[in-house]
Protein backbone atom coordinates (compact mmCIF):
# COMPACT_ATOMS: atom_id res chain seq x y z
CA UNK A 1 44.37 -3.72 4.12
CA UNK A 2 42.72 -1.48 6.85
CA UNK A 3 45.10 1.43 8.50
CA UNK A 4 44.08 2.58 11.47
CA UNK A 5 45.23 5.32 13.65
CA UNK A 6 47.35 4.04 16.58
CA UNK A 7 45.05 5.04 19.59
CA UNK A 8 42.24 2.83 17.71
CA UNK A 9 44.59 -0.22 17.24
CA UNK A 10 45.50 -0.01 21.27
CA UNK A 11 42.10 0.97 22.11
CA UNK A 12 41.17 -2.49 20.01
CA UNK A 13 44.03 -4.51 21.83
CA UNK A 14 43.03 -3.45 25.19
CA UNK A 15 39.50 -4.28 24.95
CA UNK A 16 40.49 -7.82 23.59
CA UNK A 17 42.58 -7.86 26.79
CA UNK A 18 40.12 -6.70 28.81
CA UNK A 19 37.81 -9.79 28.00
CA UNK A 20 40.84 -12.37 27.65
CA UNK A 21 41.86 -11.64 31.16
CA UNK A 22 37.90 -12.86 32.23
CA UNK A 23 38.75 -16.54 31.17
CA UNK A 24 42.43 -16.55 30.49
CA UNK A 25 44.11 -19.97 28.92
CA UNK A 26 46.31 -21.97 31.67
CA UNK A 27 49.39 -20.54 29.49
CA UNK A 28 48.98 -17.53 27.44
CA UNK A 29 52.36 -16.91 24.42
CA UNK A 30 52.47 -13.67 23.26
CA UNK A 31 54.54 -13.77 19.77
CA UNK A 32 55.43 -10.29 18.34
CA UNK A 33 57.09 -9.85 14.97
CA UNK A 34 57.56 -6.47 14.01
CA UNK A 35 59.86 -5.08 11.62
CA UNK A 36 59.20 -1.57 12.92
CA UNK A 37 58.35 0.41 15.94
CA UNK A 38 58.17 3.61 17.18
CA UNK A 39 58.65 5.10 20.44
CA UNK A 40 54.67 5.85 21.04
CA UNK A 41 54.10 2.30 20.12
CA UNK A 42 56.53 0.52 22.05
CA UNK A 43 55.76 2.94 25.17
CA UNK A 44 52.11 1.04 24.54
CA UNK A 45 53.34 -1.98 23.59
CA UNK A 46 54.98 -1.81 27.57
CA UNK A 47 51.56 -1.13 29.21
CA UNK A 48 50.21 -4.03 27.04
CA UNK A 49 52.75 -6.31 28.66
CA UNK A 50 52.30 -5.19 32.24
CA UNK A 51 49.13 -5.87 32.19
CA UNK A 52 49.89 -9.70 31.39
CA UNK A 53 52.29 -8.87 34.44
CA UNK A 54 49.63 -8.31 36.75
CA UNK A 55 47.70 -11.05 36.12
CA UNK A 56 47.60 -14.03 38.77
CA UNK A 57 50.48 -16.47 37.75
CA UNK A 58 48.13 -19.30 39.49
CA UNK A 59 45.46 -18.44 36.89
CA UNK A 60 47.76 -17.98 33.57
CA UNK A 61 51.59 -18.51 32.99
CA UNK A 62 52.37 -16.01 30.49
CA UNK A 63 55.46 -15.67 27.99
CA UNK A 64 57.01 -13.57 24.99
CA UNK A 65 57.89 -14.73 21.77
CA UNK A 66 60.05 -11.77 20.62
CA UNK A 67 60.61 -12.46 16.39
CA UNK A 68 62.50 -10.50 14.48
CA UNK A 69 65.10 -11.16 11.33
CA UNK A 70 68.19 -11.95 11.16
CA UNK A 71 70.72 -8.93 11.67
CA UNK A 72 68.20 -6.54 12.76
CA UNK A 73 70.24 -5.71 16.32
CA UNK A 74 68.00 -2.73 16.98
CA UNK A 75 64.67 -4.95 16.85
CA UNK A 76 66.82 -7.88 18.87
CA UNK A 77 67.77 -5.08 21.51
CA UNK A 78 64.28 -4.06 22.18
CA UNK A 79 63.31 -8.27 22.83
CA UNK A 80 66.41 -8.14 25.58
CA UNK A 81 65.31 -4.41 27.15
CA UNK A 82 61.41 -6.29 27.44
CA UNK A 83 63.13 -9.34 29.05
CA UNK A 84 64.83 -6.86 31.58
CA UNK A 85 62.29 -4.13 32.29
CA UNK A 86 59.06 -7.05 32.72
CA UNK A 87 59.22 -9.84 34.76
CA UNK A 88 57.58 -12.18 31.78
CA UNK A 89 60.08 -14.67 30.33
CA UNK A 90 61.24 -13.35 26.64
CA UNK A 91 62.49 -15.82 24.19
CA UNK A 92 63.75 -14.28 21.34
CA UNK A 93 63.62 -16.08 17.57
CA UNK A 94 65.46 -15.45 14.50
CA UNK A 95 63.90 -15.43 10.99
CA UNK A 96 65.43 -14.69 7.41
CA UNK A 97 64.39 -11.44 6.23
CA UNK A 98 61.01 -10.71 4.25
CA UNK A 99 61.52 -9.54 0.28
CA UNK A 100 59.15 -8.49 -1.88
CA UNK A 101 59.57 -10.02 -5.44
CA UNK A 102 59.95 -7.15 -7.83
């Protein structure tokens, strides 16, 4: 596994978006499944989602699937915040917690 600094990760994501917006799919679904997110990355995630908000809805219909572990109320709250703070439709899905075997 390659670990990158947050700035490098977001640079790669934004580079991808800049290329994607040149020829987006008619429907775009962003599926996010995070175990942890810090404030810095949450700010960057909102910037990323705002770019999708600015895309012409006649060109691409964008929605978000927010996937969190059952019982992770903090992550569920972040999904609810995304739904309120963006114009993108957000669906929250719950999955069983990932458990490492000993």
